[in-house]
Amino acid sequence: MRIYKILPRAAWTEAHEAGRFEGSPLDLADGFIHFSTAAQAQETARRHFAGQADLVVLEVEADELGEALRWEASRGGDLFPHLYGPLAASLVRYVTEAPLNGDGAPTLGDLK
């Protein structure tokens, strides 16, 4: 199963050069890196990234993250993937752009 992380391009560039992504300020505050499934990602983009330009979407194979990945309930009860530890840049399968649509929400395209 693939999972997705939305973040500013500059943060990904920095992480890629360092070889690992430690997390966004929110991730660091919460103690884990927030991911979304394909079914959850567009709503995550709309809720948390509206109006933010120059975003990218990282695609990662969940099974490759091992025991550091946990599925935990959100406030609404949906299970979300949370990574307890850094994300190795080498595990990112694809990076795609997330341009803003006419309503200011990032468009993620066809996630699988």
C-alpha atoms as a PDB file:
ATOM      1  CA  MET A   1       0.000   0.000   0.000  1.00  0.00           C
ATOM      2  CA  ARG A   2       1.254   3.457  -0.861  1.00  0.00           C
ATOM      3  CA  ILE A   3       1.028   6.366   1.571  1.00  0.00           C
ATOM      4  CA  TYR A   4       1.578  10.065   0.949  1.00  0.00           C
ATOM      5  CA  LYS A   5       3.219  13.064   2.577  1.00  0.00           C
ATOM      6  CA  ILE A   6       2.413  16.606   1.440  1.00  0.00           C
ATOM      7  CA  LEU A   7       5.068  19.222   2.098  1.00  0.00           C
ATOM      8  CA  PRO A   8       6.657  22.378   0.687  1.00  0.00           C
ATOM      9  CA  ARG A   9       9.114  21.768  -2.133  1.00  0.00           C
ATOM     10  CA  ALA A  10      11.880  23.533  -0.173  1.00  0.00           C
ATOM     11  CA  ALA A  11      11.449  21.107   2.741  1.00  0.00           C
ATOM     12  CA  TRP A  12      11.726  18.136   0.377  1.00  0.00           C
ATOM     13  CA  THR A  13      14.784  19.603  -1.346  1.00  0.00           C
ATOM     14  CA  GLU A  14      16.480  20.029   2.033  1.00  0.00           C
ATOM     15  CA  ALA A  15      15.499  16.513   3.134  1.00  0.00           C
ATOM     16  CA  HIS A  16      16.610  14.956  -0.137  1.00  0.00           C
ATOM     17  CA  GLU A  17      20.017  16.602   0.148  1.00  0.00           C
ATOM     18  CA  ALA A  18      20.328  15.442   3.779  1.00  0.00           C
ATOM     19  CA  GLY A  19      19.155  11.921   2.881  1.00  0.00           C
ATOM     20  CA  ARG A  20      16.264  12.000   5.341  1.00  0.00           C
ATOM     21  CA  PHE A  21      13.147  13.916   6.283  1.00  0.00           C
ATOM     22  CA  GLU A  22      12.872  14.596  10.002  1.00  0.00           C
ATOM     23  CA  GLY A  23       9.364  16.064   9.791  1.00  0.00           C
ATOM     24  CA  SER A  24       7.530  19.346   9.474  1.00  0.00           C
ATOM     25  CA  PRO A  25       7.121  21.628  12.501  1.00  0.00           C
ATOM     26  CA  LEU A  26       3.720  19.977  13.157  1.00  0.00           C
ATOM     27  CA  ASP A  27       5.223  16.498  12.805  1.00  0.00           C
ATOM     28  CA  LEU A  28       7.997  17.372  15.249  1.00  0.00           C
ATOM     29  CA  ALA A  29       5.489  18.795  17.738  1.00  0.00           C
ATOM     30  CA  ASP A  30       3.321  15.663  17.506  1.00  0.00           C
ATOM     31  CA  GLY A  31       6.268  13.261  17.704  1.00  0.00           C
ATOM     32  CA  PHE A  32       5.661  11.498  14.388  1.00  0.00           C
ATOM     33  CA  ILE A  33       5.489  12.193  10.648  1.00  0.00           C
ATOM     34  CA  HIS A  34       1.908  12.471   9.406  1.00  0.00           C
ATOM     35  CA  PHE A  35       1.042  10.515   6.256  1.00  0.00           C
ATOM     36  CA  SER A  36      -2.244   9.915   4.443  1.00  0.00           C
ATOM     37  CA  THR A  37      -3.605   7.090   2.338  1.00  0.00           C
ATOM     38  CA  ALA A  38      -4.693   7.791  -1.230  1.00  0.00           C
ATOM     39  CA  ALA A  39      -8.302   8.032  -0.002  1.00  0.00           C
ATOM     40  CA  GLN A  40      -7.359  10.543   2.726  1.00  0.00           C
ATOM     41  CA  ALA A  41      -4.768  12.701   0.955  1.00  0.00           C
ATOM     42  CA  GLN A  42      -7.019  15.123  -0.953  1.00  0.00           C
ATOM     43  CA  GLU A  43      -8.954  16.012   2.206  1.00  0.00           C
ATOM     44  CA  THR A  44      -5.658  16.409   4.083  1.00  0.00           C
ATOM     45  CA  ALA A  45      -4.495  18.762   1.333  1.00  0.00           C
ATOM     46  CA  ARG A  46      -7.705  20.791   1.479  1.00  0.00           C
ATOM     47  CA  ARG A  47      -7.751  21.056   5.286  1.00  0.00           C
ATOM     48  CA  HIS A  48      -4.108  21.629   6.060  1.00  0.00           C
ATOM     49  CA  PHE A  49      -2.464  23.026   2.924  1.00  0.00           C
ATOM     50  CA  ALA A  50      -5.064  25.305   1.277  1.00  0.00           C
ATOM     51  CA  GLY A  51      -3.488  28.427  -0.158  1.00  0.00           C
ATOM     52  CA  GLN A  52       0.059  27.089   0.127  1.00  0.00           C
ATOM     53  CA  ALA A  53       1.857  27.157  -3.191  1.00  0.00           C
ATOM     54  CA  ASP A  54       4.873  25.127  -4.310  1.00  0.00           C
ATOM     55  CA  LEU A  55       3.913  21.891  -2.597  1.00  0.00           C
ATOM     56  CA  VAL A  56       4.987  18.373  -3.501  1.00  0.00           C
ATOM     57  CA  VAL A  57       3.570  14.963  -2.644  1.00  0.00           C
ATOM     58  CA  LEU A  58       5.897  12.155  -1.592  1.00  0.00           C
ATOM     59  CA  GLU A  59       4.784   8.607  -2.371  1.00  0.00           C
ATOM     60  CA  VAL A  60       6.124   5.863  -0.103  1.00  0.00           C
ATOM     61  CA  GLU A  61       5.474   2.121   0.126  1.00  0.00           C
ATOM     62  CA  ALA A  62       4.076   1.627   3.633  1.00  0.00           C
ATOM     63  CA  ASP A  63       5.546  -1.871   4.055  1.00  0.00           C
ATOM     64  CA  GLU A  64       9.079  -0.508   3.594  1.00  0.00           C
ATOM     65  CA  LEU A  65       8.778   1.615   6.742  1.00  0.00           C
ATOM     66  CA  GLY A  66       8.679  -1.381   9.057  1.00  0.00           C
ATOM     67  CA  GLU A  67       7.625  -1.192  12.686  1.00  0.00           C
ATOM     68  CA  ALA A  68       8.186   2.570  12.845  1.00  0.00           C
ATOM     69  CA  LEU A  69       4.893   2.995  10.937  1.00  0.00           C
ATOM     70  CA  ARG A  70       1.765   2.833  13.064  1.00  0.00           C
ATOM     71  CA  TRP A  71      -1.873   3.168  12.035  1.00  0.00           C
ATOM     72  CA  GLU A  72      -3.631   5.393  14.543  1.00  0.00           C
ATOM     73  CA  ALA A  73      -7.124   6.813  14.834  1.00  0.00           C
ATOM     74  CA  SER A  74      -7.649  10.488  14.118  1.00  0.00           C
ATOM     75  CA  ARG A  75     -10.250  12.680  15.777  1.00  0.00           C
ATOM     76  CA  GLY A  76     -12.811  11.416  13.260  1.00  0.00           C
ATOM     77  CA  GLY A  77     -11.927   7.774  13.855  1.00  0.00           C
ATOM     78  CA  ASP A  78     -10.152   7.135  10.534  1.00  0.00           C
ATOM     79  CA  LEU A  79      -6.855   5.282  10.790  1.00  0.00           C
ATOM     80  CA  PHE A  80      -3.941   7.386   9.559  1.00  0.00           C
ATOM     81  CA  PRO A  81      -0.362   6.214   8.989  1.00  0.00           C
ATOM     82  CA  HIS A  82       2.141   7.818  11.383  1.00  0.00           C
ATOM     83  CA  LEU A  83       5.897   7.315  11.096  1.00  0.00           C
ATOM     84  CA  TYR A  84       7.768   7.347  14.397  1.00  0.00           C
ATOM     85  CA  GLY A  85      11.212   8.302  13.183  1.00  0.00           C
ATOM     86  CA  PRO A  86      12.774   9.979  10.165  1.00  0.00           C
ATOM     87  CA  LEU A  87      11.878   9.100   6.597  1.00  0.00           C
ATOM     88  CA  ALA A  88      14.873   7.961   4.561  1.00  0.00           C
ATOM     89  CA  ALA A  89      14.874   9.883   1.261  1.00  0.00           C
ATOM     90  CA  SER A  90      15.776   6.656  -0.531  1.00  0.00           C
ATOM     91  CA  LEU A  91      12.344   5.208   0.371  1.00  0.00           C
ATOM     92  CA  VAL A  92      10.453   7.911  -1.523  1.00  0.00           C
ATOM     93  CA  ARG A  93       9.220   6.278  -4.731  1.00  0.00           C
ATOM     94  CA  TYR A  94       7.818   9.326  -6.474  1.00  0.00           C
ATOM     95  CA  VAL A  95       7.635  13.067  -5.949  1.00  0.00           C
ATOM     96  CA  THR A  96       4.867  14.941  -7.746  1.00  0.00           C
ATOM     97  CA  GLU A  97       3.778  18.558  -7.775  1.00  0.00           C
ATOM     98  CA  ALA A  98       0.564  19.670  -6.087  1.00  0.00           C
ATOM     99  CA  PRO A  99      -0.572  22.867  -7.837  1.00  0.00           C
ATOM    100  CA  LEU A 100      -3.400  24.900  -6.372  1.00  0.00           C
ATOM    101  CA  ASN A 101      -6.812  24.654  -7.995  1.00  0.00           C
ATOM    102  CA  GLY A 102      -9.244  27.552  -8.434  1.00  0.00           C
ATOM    103  CA  ASP A 103     -10.426  27.187  -4.837  1.00  0.00           C
ATOM    104  CA  GLY A 104      -6.858  27.369  -3.488  1.00  0.00           C
ATOM    105  CA  ALA A 105      -6.655  23.687  -2.531  1.00  0.00           C
ATOM    106  CA  PRO A 106      -3.696  21.616  -3.694  1.00  0.00           C
ATOM    107  CA  THR A 107      -4.492  19.204  -6.504  1.00  0.00           C
ATOM    108  CA  LEU A 108      -2.877  15.836  -5.942  1.00  0.00           C
ATOM    109  CA  GLY A 109      -3.769  14.055  -9.152  1.00  0.00           C
ATOM    110  CA  ASP A 110      -4.461  10.331  -9.389  1.00  0.00           C
ATOM    111  CA  LEU A 111      -3.112   8.650  -6.265  1.00  0.00           C
ATOM    112  CA  LYS A 112      -3.175   4.869  -6.064  1.00  0.00           C
END
